[in-house]
């Protein structure tokens, strides 16, 4: 089965690299509900598609506040 990149599930380290943030910041944001993710056992996981949607929402909020 071929998995598309948008359905890719990412680890904390992968999200940290993708967003250019420190892993500890990813953990904090995920635990506080500021970053969409889910836990598999004790490990956080993030769907790339959901992270991309979150980025778009963050961008739209900034544009809306600037107007």
N, C-alpha and C. Protein backbone atom coordinates (compact mmCIF):
# COMPACT_ATOMS: atom_id res chain seq x y z
N UNK A 1 0.84 -1.19 0.00
CA UNK A 1 0.00 0.00 0.00
C UNK A 1 0.88 1.24 0.00
N UNK A 2 0.60 2.17 -0.88
CA UNK A 2 1.36 3.42 -0.96
C UNK A 2 0.62 4.47 -0.16
N UNK A 3 1.32 5.11 0.73
CA UNK A 3 0.72 6.15 1.58
C UNK A 3 1.11 7.52 1.04
N UNK A 4 0.10 8.38 0.87
CA UNK A 4 0.40 9.73 0.38
C UNK A 4 1.06 10.52 1.50
N UNK A 5 1.83 11.53 1.12
CA UNK A 5 2.55 12.33 2.10
C UNK A 5 1.59 13.10 3.01
N UNK A 6 0.41 13.47 2.50
CA UNK A 6 -0.53 14.23 3.34
C UNK A 6 -1.10 13.37 4.46
N UNK A 7 -1.13 12.04 4.28
CA UNK A 7 -1.60 11.14 5.33
C UNK A 7 -0.46 10.64 6.21
N UNK A 8 0.72 11.17 5.99
CA UNK A 8 1.89 10.76 6.75
C UNK A 8 1.71 11.10 8.23
N UNK A 9 2.11 10.19 9.08
CA UNK A 9 2.10 10.42 10.52
C UNK A 9 3.54 10.73 10.93
N UNK A 10 3.69 11.83 11.66
CA UNK A 10 5.01 12.34 12.01
C UNK A 10 5.26 12.20 13.51
N UNK A 11 6.53 12.04 13.87
CA UNK A 11 6.96 12.01 15.26
C UNK A 11 7.21 13.44 15.75
N UNK A 12 7.46 13.58 17.03
CA UNK A 12 7.79 14.89 17.60
C UNK A 12 9.03 15.46 16.90
N UNK A 13 10.04 14.65 16.72
CA UNK A 13 11.28 15.13 16.08
C UNK A 13 11.01 15.60 14.65
N UNK A 14 10.20 14.84 13.92
CA UNK A 14 9.89 15.22 12.54
C UNK A 14 9.10 16.52 12.48
N UNK A 15 8.13 16.69 13.39
CA UNK A 15 7.36 17.94 13.43
C UNK A 15 8.27 19.10 13.84
N UNK A 16 9.15 18.86 14.80
CA UNK A 16 10.08 19.91 15.22
C UNK A 16 10.96 20.36 14.06
N UNK A 17 11.45 19.44 13.29
CA UNK A 17 12.25 19.77 12.11
C UNK A 17 11.40 20.51 11.08
N UNK A 18 10.20 20.02 10.82
CA UNK A 18 9.30 20.60 9.84
C UNK A 18 8.94 22.04 10.20
N UNK A 19 8.68 22.30 11.48
CA UNK A 19 8.28 23.64 11.94
C UNK A 19 9.46 24.49 12.40
N UNK A 20 10.65 23.89 12.37
CA UNK A 20 11.87 24.58 12.84
C UNK A 20 11.71 25.07 14.28
N UNK A 21 11.29 24.12 15.11
CA UNK A 21 11.12 24.38 16.54
C UNK A 21 11.87 23.30 17.31
N UNK A 22 12.07 23.53 18.58
CA UNK A 22 12.71 22.53 19.42
C UNK A 22 11.70 21.46 19.81
N UNK A 23 12.12 20.21 19.93
CA UNK A 23 11.18 19.14 20.32
C UNK A 23 10.45 19.43 21.63
N UNK A 24 11.12 20.02 22.59
CA UNK A 24 10.48 20.31 23.88
C UNK A 24 9.31 21.27 23.67
N UNK A 25 9.41 22.19 22.73
CA UNK A 25 8.32 23.13 22.44
C UNK A 25 7.15 22.39 21.80
N UNK A 26 7.44 21.43 20.95
CA UNK A 26 6.39 20.62 20.33
C UNK A 26 5.64 19.85 21.42
N UNK A 27 6.37 19.23 22.35
CA UNK A 27 5.73 18.52 23.46
C UNK A 27 4.81 19.45 24.25
N UNK A 28 5.31 20.63 24.61
CA UNK A 28 4.52 21.58 25.40
C UNK A 28 3.26 22.01 24.67
N UNK A 29 3.39 22.38 23.41
CA UNK A 29 2.23 22.83 22.63
C UNK A 29 1.22 21.70 22.45
N UNK A 30 1.68 20.50 22.21
CA UNK A 30 0.77 19.36 22.05
C UNK A 30 0.03 19.07 23.36
N UNK A 31 0.76 19.06 24.45
CA UNK A 31 0.15 18.77 25.76
C UNK A 31 -0.88 19.82 26.15
N UNK A 32 -0.66 21.06 25.75
CA UNK A 32 -1.59 22.16 26.07
C UNK A 32 -2.71 22.30 25.05
N UNK A 33 -2.69 21.48 24.00
CA UNK A 33 -3.73 21.55 22.98
C UNK A 33 -3.53 22.66 21.97
N UNK A 34 -2.36 23.28 21.97
CA UNK A 34 -2.08 24.35 21.01
C UNK A 34 -1.66 23.82 19.65
N UNK A 35 -1.22 22.58 19.61
CA UNK A 35 -0.75 21.93 18.39
C UNK A 35 -1.52 20.62 18.26
N UNK A 36 -2.19 20.38 17.12
CA UNK A 36 -3.01 19.18 17.00
C UNK A 36 -2.18 17.91 16.87
N UNK A 37 -2.41 16.99 17.77
CA UNK A 37 -1.69 15.73 17.75
C UNK A 37 -2.46 14.70 18.55
N UNK A 38 -1.92 13.50 18.61
CA UNK A 38 -2.55 12.43 19.38
C UNK A 38 -1.45 11.55 19.94
N UNK A 39 -1.81 10.83 20.99
CA UNK A 39 -0.83 9.95 21.63
C UNK A 39 -1.07 8.50 21.24
N UNK A 40 0.03 7.81 20.99
CA UNK A 40 0.03 6.37 20.79
C UNK A 40 0.87 5.84 21.94
N UNK A 41 0.20 5.32 22.94
CA UNK A 41 0.91 4.97 24.17
C UNK A 41 1.40 6.25 24.82
N UNK A 42 2.69 6.35 25.04
CA UNK A 42 3.26 7.55 25.63
C UNK A 42 3.85 8.50 24.59
N UNK A 43 3.80 8.11 23.32
CA UNK A 43 4.45 8.89 22.26
C UNK A 43 3.43 9.75 21.51
N UNK A 44 3.80 11.01 21.28
CA UNK A 44 2.97 11.91 20.48
C UNK A 44 3.17 11.62 19.00
N UNK A 45 2.08 11.73 18.24
CA UNK A 45 2.12 11.59 16.79
C UNK A 45 1.27 12.71 16.18
N UNK A 46 1.61 13.10 14.97
CA UNK A 46 0.96 14.22 14.29
C UNK A 46 0.74 13.87 12.83
N UNK A 47 -0.45 14.12 12.31
CA UNK A 47 -0.70 13.91 10.90
C UNK A 47 -0.23 15.15 10.14
N UNK A 48 0.56 14.94 9.11
CA UNK A 48 1.10 16.07 8.34
C UNK A 48 -0.01 16.95 7.80
N UNK A 49 -1.06 16.33 7.29
CA UNK A 49 -2.18 17.10 6.73
C UNK A 49 -2.78 18.02 7.80
N UNK A 50 -2.93 17.53 9.02
CA UNK A 50 -3.49 18.32 10.11
C UNK A 50 -2.54 19.44 10.51
N UNK A 51 -1.25 19.17 10.53
CA UNK A 51 -0.27 20.21 10.85
C UNK A 51 -0.30 21.30 9.77
N UNK A 52 -0.39 20.90 8.50
CA UNK A 52 -0.47 21.89 7.42
C UNK A 52 -1.73 22.75 7.54
N UNK A 53 -2.85 22.14 7.94
CA UNK A 53 -4.08 22.90 8.15
C UNK A 53 -3.93 23.86 9.32
N UNK A 54 -3.25 23.41 10.37
CA UNK A 54 -3.01 24.26 11.54
C UNK A 54 -2.15 25.47 11.14
N UNK A 55 -1.13 25.23 10.32
CA UNK A 55 -0.28 26.33 9.84
C UNK A 55 -1.13 27.34 9.08
N UNK A 56 -1.98 26.87 8.18
CA UNK A 56 -2.84 27.77 7.40
C UNK A 56 -3.76 28.58 8.31
N UNK A 57 -4.31 27.94 9.33
CA UNK A 57 -5.16 28.64 10.29
C UNK A 57 -4.39 29.71 11.03
N UNK A 58 -3.16 29.40 11.44
CA UNK A 58 -2.33 30.38 12.14
C UNK A 58 -2.04 31.57 11.23
N UNK A 59 -1.75 31.30 9.97
CA UNK A 59 -1.48 32.38 9.01
C UNK A 59 -2.71 33.25 8.83
N UNK A 60 -3.88 32.62 8.70
CA UNK A 60 -5.12 33.37 8.50
C UNK A 60 -5.47 34.23 9.71
N UNK A 61 -5.20 33.75 10.90
CA UNK A 61 -5.44 34.54 12.11
C UNK A 61 -4.56 35.79 12.12
N UNK A 62 -3.32 35.65 11.72
CA UNK A 62 -2.42 36.80 11.70
C UNK A 62 -2.88 37.84 10.69
N UNK A 63 -3.32 37.37 9.53
CA UNK A 63 -3.79 38.29 8.48
C UNK A 63 -5.06 38.99 8.96
N UNK A 64 -5.97 38.26 9.58
CA UNK A 64 -7.23 38.83 10.07
C UNK A 64 -6.98 39.88 11.15
N UNK A 65 -6.01 39.65 12.01
CA UNK A 65 -5.70 40.61 13.08
C UNK A 65 -4.98 41.84 12.53
N UNK A 66 -4.30 41.69 11.43
CA UNK A 66 -3.55 42.81 10.84
C UNK A 66 -4.47 43.79 10.11
N UNK A 67 -5.64 43.30 9.73
CA UNK A 67 -6.56 44.15 8.95
C UNK A 67 -7.36 45.05 9.86
